[in-house]
Each structure stands twice: as C-alpha cells, then as structure tokens.
C-alpha cells in the first residue's frame, strides 16, 4: 500500500492585476498557513519521499513553506502540467513521475485537486469524503492510502481516505484564530 498526499496550494494574492494567474504569489495568510501545515505533516509522520508540485509560483511557495519541517531529503519535481489540467492529467503525472515513492505528495490547484481526491476515494470515513466534497480550502491536505505500490498502475477508486486536514482547524488547535477567506 502507498500513501498519496494531496495538498492544495496555500492562499494566494490577487492584489496585482498585471500578474498572470500562473505568477501569483502567496499572500500573508498563505505564507503563514504553509509552514503550519508543514509542521502538522511532520508531527504526524506525513513526510513524503517524493513531491510533484505544479510549477506555478503559489504552489512552489507552498512547497518552500512546508519543506523546512522534513528531516530527510525529498525528491521534488516541478511540473508545469499540474497547472490548469484535469483529473486525467493528475493521474497521468502521478503514473509517469511517482517513481518508487512510498509516500507521494502532489501540490496543486482547485478545482482539479478536489475532484481528483474524490475520484481516488472508494472507502474510509464517509464524513471525510463529504468534507472534501463540500470544500477543499487553500492549504488543505487529503491523506489517501491507495492499493498497490506501483504509481505507474494507479487506478481511480482504489483509495481509502485516512485524514483531511484544513489550516483553519490547525490554527484553532494552535490557539490562533484568523478569518478564513478562500480563493
């Protein structure tokens, strides 16, 4: 069994209308929530062996925010095709680039990361599946255990949802309360 971690990029800035969507950076909230999620991942032993990250600026900055919390070297690939693609595009990227990772982290964008997560889940806590269906917030992380250990043979509908972490919940647990605004 392999573990698939699906992380939506942290909250991005919309303040500069001259920037292309691809080039939008994280805003203050995003720069705070990425490390918060990184610490949570490390504390719960969710360190990936390999990362497939969209090459958009906000996903790269999200990766930079979580990276300091992992003690081991991580193979990271910045992949343009994870930007503005479909579920099939995510599946193909994982099949092509998942390699021998036991735990694979994909950092991407909505709505595709949400629909891809739902397409992978066939069992587990239905409440978690419903939470993903309702809203996949920025810096949200789905933890899905998938059948098999060969990413090149990954098939939708073969995953068990293990957890769904949202930065808002982590902030509340940590004692900070901030306003949730989603993009």
N, C-alpha and C. Protein backbone atom coordinates (compact mmCIF):
# COMPACT_ATOMS: atom_id res chain seq x y z
N UNK A 1 0.85 -1.18 0.00
CA UNK A 1 0.00 0.00 0.00
C UNK A 1 0.89 1.24 0.00
N UNK A 2 0.49 2.23 -0.78
CA UNK A 2 1.21 3.50 -0.86
C UNK A 2 0.32 4.61 -0.31
N UNK A 3 0.93 5.72 0.02
CA UNK A 3 0.18 6.85 0.58
C UNK A 3 0.29 8.04 -0.37
N UNK A 4 -0.86 8.61 -0.69
CA UNK A 4 -0.96 9.78 -1.55
C UNK A 4 -1.40 10.96 -0.71
N UNK A 5 -0.61 12.01 -0.73
CA UNK A 5 -0.92 13.26 -0.03
C UNK A 5 -1.26 14.30 -1.09
N UNK A 6 -2.44 14.88 -0.98
CA UNK A 6 -2.88 15.88 -1.95
C UNK A 6 -3.04 17.22 -1.24
N UNK A 7 -2.14 18.15 -1.53
CA UNK A 7 -2.11 19.45 -0.88
C UNK A 7 -2.47 20.54 -1.88
N UNK A 8 -3.53 21.27 -1.55
CA UNK A 8 -3.85 22.44 -2.35
C UNK A 8 -2.92 23.57 -1.92
N UNK A 9 -2.47 24.38 -2.87
CA UNK A 9 -1.58 25.50 -2.53
C UNK A 9 -2.22 26.38 -1.46
N UNK A 10 -1.37 27.08 -0.72
CA UNK A 10 -1.85 28.00 0.31
C UNK A 10 -2.47 29.24 -0.35
N UNK A 11 -3.08 30.06 0.45
CA UNK A 11 -3.82 31.24 -0.02
C UNK A 11 -2.93 32.17 -0.81
N UNK A 12 -3.39 32.55 -1.99
CA UNK A 12 -2.59 33.40 -2.87
C UNK A 12 -3.13 34.82 -2.93
N UNK A 13 -2.29 35.71 -3.42
CA UNK A 13 -2.62 37.14 -3.51
C UNK A 13 -3.26 37.45 -4.86
N UNK A 14 -4.21 38.36 -4.82
CA UNK A 14 -4.89 38.81 -6.03
C UNK A 14 -4.65 40.30 -6.27
N UNK A 15 -3.76 40.92 -5.50
CA UNK A 15 -3.62 42.37 -5.49
C UNK A 15 -3.01 43.01 -6.72
N UNK A 16 -2.27 42.27 -7.53
CA UNK A 16 -1.60 42.86 -8.69
C UNK A 16 -2.26 42.37 -9.97
N UNK A 17 -3.13 43.20 -10.57
CA UNK A 17 -3.85 42.77 -11.78
C UNK A 17 -2.94 42.59 -13.00
N UNK A 18 -1.68 43.03 -12.91
CA UNK A 18 -0.77 42.87 -14.05
C UNK A 18 -0.13 41.48 -14.09
N UNK A 19 -0.22 40.74 -12.97
CA UNK A 19 0.37 39.40 -12.94
C UNK A 19 -0.52 38.38 -13.64
N UNK A 20 0.12 37.48 -14.36
CA UNK A 20 -0.62 36.33 -14.88
C UNK A 20 -1.01 35.45 -13.70
N UNK A 21 -2.08 34.68 -13.84
CA UNK A 21 -2.52 33.78 -12.78
C UNK A 21 -1.38 32.86 -12.35
N UNK A 22 -0.62 32.36 -13.29
CA UNK A 22 0.50 31.45 -13.03
C UNK A 22 1.53 32.07 -12.08
N UNK A 23 1.65 33.39 -12.12
CA UNK A 23 2.70 34.10 -11.37
C UNK A 23 2.24 34.67 -10.04
N UNK A 24 1.00 34.41 -9.64
CA UNK A 24 0.52 34.97 -8.37
C UNK A 24 1.26 34.35 -7.18
N UNK A 25 1.73 35.19 -6.24
CA UNK A 25 2.42 34.68 -5.05
C UNK A 25 1.42 34.36 -3.93
N UNK A 26 1.93 33.82 -2.85
CA UNK A 26 1.12 33.64 -1.65
C UNK A 26 0.90 35.00 -0.98
N UNK A 27 -0.24 35.14 -0.33
CA UNK A 27 -0.45 36.34 0.48
C UNK A 27 0.04 36.07 1.90
N UNK A 28 -0.18 37.01 2.82
CA UNK A 28 0.29 36.83 4.20
C UNK A 28 -0.29 35.59 4.85
N UNK A 29 -1.57 35.38 4.64
CA UNK A 29 -2.22 34.21 5.23
C UNK A 29 -1.61 32.92 4.67
N UNK A 30 -1.35 32.88 3.37
CA UNK A 30 -0.74 31.71 2.75
C UNK A 30 0.66 31.45 3.26
N UNK A 31 1.43 32.53 3.45
CA UNK A 31 2.79 32.38 3.97
C UNK A 31 2.79 31.89 5.41
N UNK A 32 1.69 32.09 6.12
CA UNK A 32 1.57 31.57 7.49
C UNK A 32 1.03 30.14 7.52
N UNK A 33 0.08 29.83 6.63
CA UNK A 33 -0.56 28.51 6.69
C UNK A 33 0.31 27.40 6.10
N UNK A 34 1.17 27.70 5.14
CA UNK A 34 2.04 26.66 4.57
C UNK A 34 2.95 26.06 5.65
N UNK A 35 3.68 26.87 6.42
CA UNK A 35 4.51 26.27 7.48
C UNK A 35 3.67 25.58 8.57
N UNK A 36 2.50 26.11 8.83
CA UNK A 36 1.61 25.47 9.80
C UNK A 36 1.28 24.04 9.34
N UNK A 37 0.97 23.89 8.06
CA UNK A 37 0.68 22.56 7.52
C UNK A 37 1.94 21.70 7.49
N UNK A 38 3.07 22.30 7.16
CA UNK A 38 4.34 21.55 7.17
C UNK A 38 4.65 20.98 8.54
N UNK A 39 4.49 21.79 9.57
CA UNK A 39 4.74 21.32 10.93
C UNK A 39 3.77 20.19 11.28
N UNK A 40 2.50 20.36 10.92
CA UNK A 40 1.50 19.33 11.20
C UNK A 40 1.85 18.02 10.49
N UNK A 41 2.26 18.12 9.24
CA UNK A 41 2.65 16.94 8.49
C UNK A 41 3.83 16.24 9.17
N UNK A 42 4.83 17.00 9.57
CA UNK A 42 5.99 16.41 10.23
C UNK A 42 5.60 15.78 11.56
N UNK A 43 4.78 16.48 12.33
CA UNK A 43 4.36 15.96 13.64
C UNK A 43 3.57 14.66 13.51
N UNK A 44 2.90 14.46 12.37
CA UNK A 44 2.08 13.26 12.17
C UNK A 44 2.74 12.26 11.21
N UNK A 45 4.04 12.41 11.04
CA UNK A 45 4.83 11.49 10.21
C UNK A 45 4.27 11.36 8.80
N UNK A 46 3.96 12.49 8.22
CA UNK A 46 3.44 12.52 6.85
C UNK A 46 4.47 13.12 5.89
N UNK A 47 5.73 12.84 6.15
CA UNK A 47 6.79 13.33 5.27
C UNK A 47 6.79 12.52 3.97
N UNK A 48 6.78 13.19 2.83
CA UNK A 48 6.80 12.46 1.56
C UNK A 48 8.21 12.03 1.18
N UNK A 49 8.27 11.00 0.35
CA UNK A 49 9.54 10.59 -0.27
C UNK A 49 9.78 11.38 -1.55
N UNK A 50 8.68 11.75 -2.18
CA UNK A 50 8.75 12.45 -3.46
C UNK A 50 7.63 13.46 -3.50
N UNK A 51 7.91 14.59 -4.16
CA UNK A 51 6.92 15.65 -4.33
C UNK A 51 6.77 15.95 -5.81
N UNK A 52 5.52 16.02 -6.24
CA UNK A 52 5.18 16.52 -7.57
C UNK A 52 4.43 17.82 -7.35
N UNK A 53 5.02 18.91 -7.77
CA UNK A 53 4.49 20.24 -7.47
C UNK A 53 4.26 21.00 -8.76
N UNK A 54 3.08 21.57 -8.90
CA UNK A 54 2.83 22.46 -10.03
C UNK A 54 3.92 23.52 -10.04
N UNK A 55 4.31 23.96 -11.21
CA UNK A 55 5.37 24.96 -11.30
C UNK A 55 4.86 26.39 -11.15
N UNK A 56 3.57 26.58 -10.90
CA UNK A 56 3.05 27.92 -10.64
C UNK A 56 3.71 28.48 -9.38
N UNK A 57 3.83 29.78 -9.32
CA UNK A 57 4.53 30.42 -8.20
C UNK A 57 3.91 30.06 -6.84
N UNK A 58 2.60 30.10 -6.73
CA UNK A 58 1.96 29.87 -5.43
C UNK A 58 2.15 28.45 -4.92
N UNK A 59 2.25 27.47 -5.83
CA UNK A 59 2.50 26.09 -5.39
C UNK A 59 3.96 25.92 -4.99
N UNK A 60 4.86 26.55 -5.72
CA UNK A 60 6.29 26.48 -5.36
C UNK A 60 6.52 27.15 -4.01
N UNK A 61 5.85 28.27 -3.75
CA UNK A 61 5.99 28.94 -2.46
C UNK A 61 5.37 28.11 -1.34
N UNK A 62 4.29 27.40 -1.62
CA UNK A 62 3.70 26.50 -0.63
C UNK A 62 4.70 25.40 -0.28
N UNK A 63 5.32 24.81 -1.29
CA UNK A 63 6.34 23.78 -1.05
C UNK A 63 7.48 24.34 -0.21
N UNK A 64 7.94 25.54 -0.54
CA UNK A 64 9.02 26.16 0.23
C UNK A 64 8.62 26.35 1.69
N UNK A 65 7.34 26.59 1.95
CA UNK A 65 6.86 26.79 3.31
C UNK A 65 6.80 25.51 4.14
N UNK A 66 6.58 24.38 3.49
CA UNK A 66 6.48 23.11 4.24
C UNK A 66 7.83 22.39 4.32
N UNK A 67 8.70 22.63 3.37
CA UNK A 67 9.96 21.89 3.26
C UNK A 67 10.84 21.91 4.52
N UNK A 68 10.99 23.02 5.23
CA UNK A 68 11.88 23.02 6.40
C UNK A 68 11.48 22.05 7.51
N UNK A 69 10.28 21.53 7.48
CA UNK A 69 9.80 20.66 8.55
C UNK A 69 10.12 19.18 8.32
N UNK A 70 10.72 18.87 7.19
CA UNK A 70 11.05 17.48 6.89
C UNK A 70 12.55 17.26 7.07
N UNK A 71 12.89 16.23 7.83
CA UNK A 71 14.28 15.98 8.20
C UNK A 71 15.08 15.24 7.14
N UNK A 72 14.41 14.62 6.18
CA UNK A 72 15.12 13.83 5.18
C UNK A 72 15.10 14.52 3.83
N UNK A 73 15.97 14.07 2.96
CA UNK A 73 15.97 14.59 1.59
C UNK A 73 14.70 14.13 0.89
N UNK A 74 14.19 14.99 0.05
CA UNK A 74 12.96 14.70 -0.69
C UNK A 74 13.23 14.94 -2.16
N UNK A 75 12.84 14.01 -2.98
CA UNK A 75 12.91 14.18 -4.43
C UNK A 75 11.74 15.04 -4.85
N UNK A 76 12.02 16.21 -5.42
CA UNK A 76 10.96 17.14 -5.81
C UNK A 76 11.02 17.41 -7.31
N UNK A 77 9.84 17.40 -7.93
CA UNK A 77 9.71 17.68 -9.35
C UNK A 77 8.67 18.78 -9.53
N UNK A 78 9.06 19.85 -10.22
CA UNK A 78 8.14 20.94 -10.51
C UNK A 78 7.60 20.73 -11.91
N UNK A 79 6.29 20.55 -11.98
CA UNK A 79 5.66 20.02 -13.19
C UNK A 79 4.62 21.01 -13.73
N UNK A 80 4.91 21.57 -14.88
CA UNK A 80 4.00 22.55 -15.49
C UNK A 80 2.63 21.94 -15.75
N UNK A 81 2.58 20.66 -16.11
CA UNK A 81 1.31 20.06 -16.50
C UNK A 81 0.34 19.86 -15.33
N UNK A 82 0.76 20.13 -14.09
CA UNK A 82 -0.18 20.10 -12.96
C UNK A 82 -0.95 21.41 -12.84
N UNK A 83 -0.60 22.38 -13.64
CA UNK A 83 -1.29 23.68 -13.66
C UNK A 83 -2.35 23.64 -14.76
N UNK A 84 -3.57 23.98 -14.41
CA UNK A 84 -4.69 24.01 -15.36
C UNK A 84 -4.84 22.70 -16.13
N UNK A 85 -5.07 21.62 -15.42
CA UNK A 85 -5.27 20.33 -16.04
C UNK A 85 -6.50 19.66 -15.45
N UNK A 86 -6.72 18.45 -15.85
CA UNK A 86 -7.88 17.69 -15.43
C UNK A 86 -7.47 16.58 -14.46
N UNK A 87 -8.46 15.85 -13.97
CA UNK A 87 -8.18 14.66 -13.15
C UNK A 87 -7.27 13.70 -13.92
N UNK A 88 -7.57 13.52 -15.19
CA UNK A 88 -6.76 12.62 -16.02
C UNK A 88 -5.32 13.11 -16.11
N UNK A 89 -5.12 14.42 -16.13
CA UNK A 89 -3.77 14.99 -16.13
C UNK A 89 -3.03 14.70 -14.84
N UNK A 90 -3.72 14.80 -13.71
CA UNK A 90 -3.10 14.46 -12.42
C UNK A 90 -2.72 12.98 -12.40
N UNK A 91 -3.65 12.15 -12.84
CA UNK A 91 -3.40 10.71 -12.85
C UNK A 91 -2.20 10.37 -13.72
N UNK A 92 -2.12 10.94 -14.91
CA UNK A 92 -1.01 10.68 -15.81
C UNK A 92 0.31 11.16 -15.21
N UNK A 93 0.30 12.32 -14.60
CA UNK A 93 1.52 12.85 -13.98
C UNK A 93 2.00 11.94 -12.87
N UNK A 94 1.09 11.48 -12.03
CA UNK A 94 1.45 10.57 -10.93
C UNK A 94 1.97 9.26 -11.49
N UNK A 95 1.29 8.73 -12.50
CA UNK A 95 1.75 7.46 -13.10
C UNK A 95 3.15 7.62 -13.71
N UNK A 96 3.38 8.75 -14.38
CA UNK A 96 4.66 8.97 -15.05
C UNK A 96 5.80 9.30 -14.10
N UNK A 97 5.51 10.03 -13.02
CA UNK A 97 6.58 10.59 -12.20
C UNK A 97 6.58 10.14 -10.74
N UNK A 98 5.64 9.28 -10.35
CA UNK A 98 5.56 8.84 -8.95
C UNK A 98 6.76 8.03 -8.50
N UNK A 99 7.40 7.37 -9.45
CA UNK A 99 8.61 6.61 -9.13
C UNK A 99 8.37 5.54 -8.09
N UNK A 100 9.33 5.37 -7.22
CA UNK A 100 9.28 4.33 -6.19
C UNK A 100 8.87 4.89 -4.83
N UNK A 101 8.30 6.08 -4.82
CA UNK A 101 7.92 6.70 -3.54
C UNK A 101 6.90 5.86 -2.79
N UNK A 102 7.12 5.72 -1.52
CA UNK A 102 6.12 5.08 -0.66
C UNK A 102 5.04 6.10 -0.30
N UNK A 103 5.47 7.34 -0.07
CA UNK A 103 4.56 8.44 0.21
C UNK A 103 4.81 9.53 -0.82
N UNK A 104 3.78 9.84 -1.58
CA UNK A 104 3.88 10.82 -2.67
C UNK A 104 3.01 12.02 -2.34
N UNK A 105 3.60 13.21 -2.40
CA UNK A 105 2.88 14.46 -2.18
C UNK A 105 2.69 15.16 -3.51
N UNK A 106 1.45 15.51 -3.82
CA UNK A 106 1.13 16.31 -5.00
C UNK A 106 0.62 17.66 -4.51
N UNK A 107 1.25 18.74 -4.97
CA UNK A 107 0.83 20.09 -4.60
C UNK A 107 0.23 20.72 -5.86
N UNK A 108 -1.07 21.02 -5.78
CA UNK A 108 -1.76 21.50 -6.97
C UNK A 108 -2.83 22.53 -6.68
N UNK A 109 -3.79 22.56 -7.58
CA UNK A 109 -4.79 23.63 -7.65
C UNK A 109 -6.21 23.07 -7.63
N UNK A 110 -7.12 23.90 -7.16
CA UNK A 110 -8.54 23.59 -7.28
C UNK A 110 -9.06 24.18 -8.58
N UNK A 111 -10.06 23.59 -9.18
CA UNK A 111 -10.91 22.52 -8.66
C UNK A 111 -10.37 21.10 -8.90
N UNK A 112 -9.25 20.99 -9.62
CA UNK A 112 -8.78 19.66 -10.00
C UNK A 112 -8.33 18.82 -8.82
N UNK A 113 -7.64 19.41 -7.86
CA UNK A 113 -7.15 18.59 -6.74
C UNK A 113 -8.32 18.01 -5.96
N UNK A 114 -9.39 18.77 -5.84
CA UNK A 114 -10.59 18.31 -5.14
C UNK A 114 -11.26 17.17 -5.91
N UNK A 115 -11.48 17.37 -7.19
CA UNK A 115 -12.14 16.32 -7.98
C UNK A 115 -11.25 15.08 -8.10
N UNK A 116 -9.93 15.28 -8.17
CA UNK A 116 -9.03 14.13 -8.23
C UNK A 116 -9.08 13.35 -6.92
N UNK A 117 -9.06 14.04 -5.79
CA UNK A 117 -9.15 13.35 -4.50
C UNK A 117 -10.42 12.53 -4.44
N UNK A 118 -11.53 13.12 -4.82
CA UNK A 118 -12.81 12.39 -4.78
C UNK A 118 -12.81 11.20 -5.73
N UNK A 119 -12.13 11.33 -6.86
CA UNK A 119 -12.08 10.21 -7.82
C UNK A 119 -11.25 9.04 -7.28
N UNK A 120 -10.31 9.33 -6.40
CA UNK A 120 -9.43 8.28 -5.86
C UNK A 120 -10.08 7.51 -4.71
N UNK A 121 -10.97 8.16 -3.98
CA UNK A 121 -11.53 7.58 -2.75
C UNK A 121 -12.65 6.60 -3.06
N UNK A 122 -12.54 5.39 -2.51
CA UNK A 122 -13.66 4.44 -2.62
C UNK A 122 -14.07 3.88 -1.27
N UNK A 123 -13.31 4.24 -0.22
CA UNK A 123 -13.66 3.74 1.11
C UNK A 123 -13.02 4.64 2.16
N UNK A 124 -13.34 4.35 3.40
CA UNK A 124 -12.85 5.15 4.50
C UNK A 124 -14.00 5.90 5.14
N UNK A 125 -13.67 6.86 5.95
CA UNK A 125 -14.67 7.63 6.68
C UNK A 125 -15.48 8.50 5.71
N UNK A 126 -16.78 8.21 5.55
CA UNK A 126 -17.60 8.99 4.62
C UNK A 126 -17.72 10.46 5.02
N UNK A 127 -17.55 10.75 6.29
CA UNK A 127 -17.59 12.14 6.74
C UNK A 127 -16.43 12.94 6.14
N UNK A 128 -15.25 12.32 6.07
CA UNK A 128 -14.09 12.99 5.46
C UNK A 128 -14.32 13.22 3.97
N UNK A 129 -14.88 12.23 3.31
CA UNK A 129 -15.18 12.38 1.88
C UNK A 129 -16.16 13.52 1.67
N UNK A 130 -17.15 13.63 2.51
CA UNK A 130 -18.13 14.71 2.39
C UNK A 130 -17.49 16.07 2.64
N UNK A 131 -16.56 16.15 3.59
CA UNK A 131 -15.85 17.40 3.84
C UNK A 131 -15.06 17.84 2.61
N UNK A 132 -14.42 16.88 1.96
CA UNK A 132 -13.67 17.18 0.73
C UNK A 132 -14.63 17.65 -0.35
N UNK A 133 -15.76 17.00 -0.47
CA UNK A 133 -16.76 17.35 -1.48
C UNK A 133 -17.28 18.77 -1.25
N UNK A 134 -17.51 19.13 0.02
CA UNK A 134 -18.08 20.45 0.34
C UNK A 134 -17.10 21.58 0.07
N UNK A 135 -15.84 21.41 0.49
CA UNK A 135 -14.85 22.48 0.31
C UNK A 135 -13.45 21.94 0.52
N UNK A 136 -12.60 22.23 -0.42
CA UNK A 136 -11.18 21.87 -0.31
C UNK A 136 -10.43 23.19 -0.19
N UNK A 137 -10.23 23.66 1.04
CA UNK A 137 -9.68 25.01 1.22
C UNK A 137 -8.22 25.10 0.81
N UNK A 138 -7.76 26.32 0.64
CA UNK A 138 -6.34 26.53 0.38
C UNK A 138 -5.55 25.93 1.54
N UNK A 139 -4.44 25.30 1.22
CA UNK A 139 -3.56 24.59 2.16
C UNK A 139 -4.24 23.38 2.80
N UNK A 140 -5.36 22.93 2.23
CA UNK A 140 -6.00 21.70 2.69
C UNK A 140 -5.20 20.48 2.23
N UNK A 141 -5.17 19.46 3.07
CA UNK A 141 -4.39 18.25 2.79
C UNK A 141 -5.24 17.01 2.97
N UNK A 142 -5.38 16.23 1.89
CA UNK A 142 -6.05 14.92 1.96
C UNK A 142 -4.98 13.85 2.03
N UNK A 143 -5.19 12.88 2.91
CA UNK A 143 -4.29 11.74 3.07
C UNK A 143 -5.06 10.51 2.63
N UNK A 144 -4.59 9.88 1.55
CA UNK A 144 -5.30 8.76 0.94
C UNK A 144 -4.34 7.59 0.79
N UNK A 145 -4.67 6.46 1.39
CA UNK A 145 -3.89 5.23 1.18
C UNK A 145 -4.47 4.53 -0.05
N UNK A 146 -3.60 4.18 -0.98
CA UNK A 146 -4.05 3.58 -2.24
C UNK A 146 -3.56 2.14 -2.34
N UNK A 147 -4.34 1.33 -3.01
CA UNK A 147 -3.98 -0.06 -3.23
C UNK A 147 -2.74 -0.14 -4.11
N UNK A 148 -1.88 -1.09 -3.82
CA UNK A 148 -0.69 -1.30 -4.63
C UNK A 148 0.44 -0.39 -4.19
N UNK A 149 1.58 -0.60 -4.83
CA UNK A 149 2.75 0.23 -4.52
C UNK A 149 3.48 0.66 -5.79
N UNK A 150 2.79 0.57 -6.91
CA UNK A 150 3.38 0.96 -8.20
C UNK A 150 2.55 2.11 -8.75
N UNK A 151 3.10 3.33 -8.65
CA UNK A 151 2.35 4.52 -9.09
C UNK A 151 1.99 4.44 -10.57
N UNK A 152 2.79 3.76 -11.36
CA UNK A 152 2.50 3.67 -12.80
C UNK A 152 1.22 2.89 -13.08
N UNK A 153 0.72 2.17 -12.08
CA UNK A 153 -0.51 1.39 -12.24
C UNK A 153 -1.66 1.94 -11.41
N UNK A 154 -1.52 3.18 -10.94
CA UNK A 154 -2.56 3.80 -10.11
C UNK A 154 -3.88 3.86 -10.86
N UNK A 155 -4.95 3.49 -10.16
CA UNK A 155 -6.29 3.46 -10.75
C UNK A 155 -7.23 4.25 -9.84
N UNK A 156 -8.08 5.10 -10.42
CA UNK A 156 -9.08 5.80 -9.60
C UNK A 156 -9.98 4.80 -8.87
N UNK A 157 -10.49 5.25 -7.74
CA UNK A 157 -11.41 4.41 -6.97
C UNK A 157 -10.73 3.30 -6.20
N UNK A 158 -9.44 3.47 -5.90
CA UNK A 158 -8.71 2.42 -5.16
C UNK A 158 -8.12 2.96 -3.87
N UNK A 159 -8.65 4.07 -3.37
CA UNK A 159 -8.07 4.69 -2.20
C UNK A 159 -8.99 4.72 -1.00
N UNK A 160 -8.35 4.74 0.16
CA UNK A 160 -9.06 4.87 1.43
C UNK A 160 -8.68 6.21 2.03
N UNK A 161 -9.67 7.07 2.27
CA UNK A 161 -9.39 8.36 2.89
C UNK A 161 -8.99 8.12 4.34
N UNK A 162 -7.85 8.64 4.72
CA UNK A 162 -7.31 8.45 6.06
C UNK A 162 -7.53 9.71 6.90
N UNK A 163 -7.33 10.88 6.28
CA UNK A 163 -7.47 12.14 7.01
C UNK A 163 -7.68 13.27 6.01
N UNK A 164 -8.25 14.35 6.51
CA UNK A 164 -8.38 15.58 5.74
C UNK A 164 -8.12 16.73 6.70
N UNK A 165 -6.99 17.41 6.50
CA UNK A 165 -6.58 18.49 7.38
C UNK A 165 -6.80 19.83 6.70
N UNK A 166 -7.37 20.75 7.47
CA UNK A 166 -7.59 22.11 6.98
C UNK A 166 -6.86 23.08 7.89
N UNK A 167 -6.21 24.08 7.31
CA UNK A 167 -5.42 25.00 8.13
C UNK A 167 -6.25 25.71 9.20
N UNK A 168 -7.49 25.98 8.92
CA UNK A 168 -8.35 26.64 9.91
C UNK A 168 -8.43 25.83 11.20
N UNK A 169 -8.56 24.53 11.08
CA UNK A 169 -8.60 23.66 12.26
C UNK A 169 -7.26 23.66 12.98
N UNK A 170 -6.17 23.67 12.24
CA UNK A 170 -4.85 23.67 12.85
C UNK A 170 -4.61 24.98 13.59
N UNK A 171 -5.09 26.09 13.03
CA UNK A 171 -4.97 27.39 13.68
C UNK A 171 -5.73 27.39 14.99
N UNK A 172 -6.94 26.84 14.99
CA UNK A 172 -7.76 26.81 16.21
C UNK A 172 -7.12 25.94 17.28
N UNK A 173 -6.56 24.81 16.87
CA UNK A 173 -5.88 23.92 17.82
C UNK A 173 -4.66 24.62 18.39
N UNK A 174 -3.97 25.38 17.54
CA UNK A 174 -2.78 26.08 17.98
C UNK A 174 -3.06 27.35 18.75
N UNK A 175 -4.33 27.74 18.86
CA UNK A 175 -4.69 28.90 19.65
C UNK A 175 -4.85 30.17 18.86
N UNK A 176 -4.47 30.16 17.58
CA UNK A 176 -4.64 31.36 16.76
C UNK A 176 -5.96 31.26 16.03
N UNK A 177 -6.69 32.33 16.01
CA UNK A 177 -7.93 32.35 15.24
C UNK A 177 -7.83 33.45 14.22
N UNK A 178 -7.94 33.10 12.96
CA UNK A 178 -7.88 34.07 11.89
C UNK A 178 -9.06 33.87 10.98
N UNK A 179 -9.36 34.89 10.22
CA UNK A 179 -10.52 34.84 9.33
C UNK A 179 -10.21 33.97 8.12
N UNK A 180 -11.12 33.08 7.76
CA UNK A 180 -10.97 32.20 6.60
C UNK A 180 -11.51 32.90 5.37
N UNK A 181 -10.65 33.11 4.39
CA UNK A 181 -11.05 33.66 3.11
C UNK A 181 -10.44 32.75 2.07
N UNK A 182 -11.24 32.23 1.16
CA UNK A 182 -10.77 31.25 0.20
C UNK A 182 -10.72 31.86 -1.19
N UNK A 183 -9.76 31.38 -2.03
CA UNK A 183 -9.75 31.87 -3.41
C UNK A 183 -10.12 30.82 -4.38
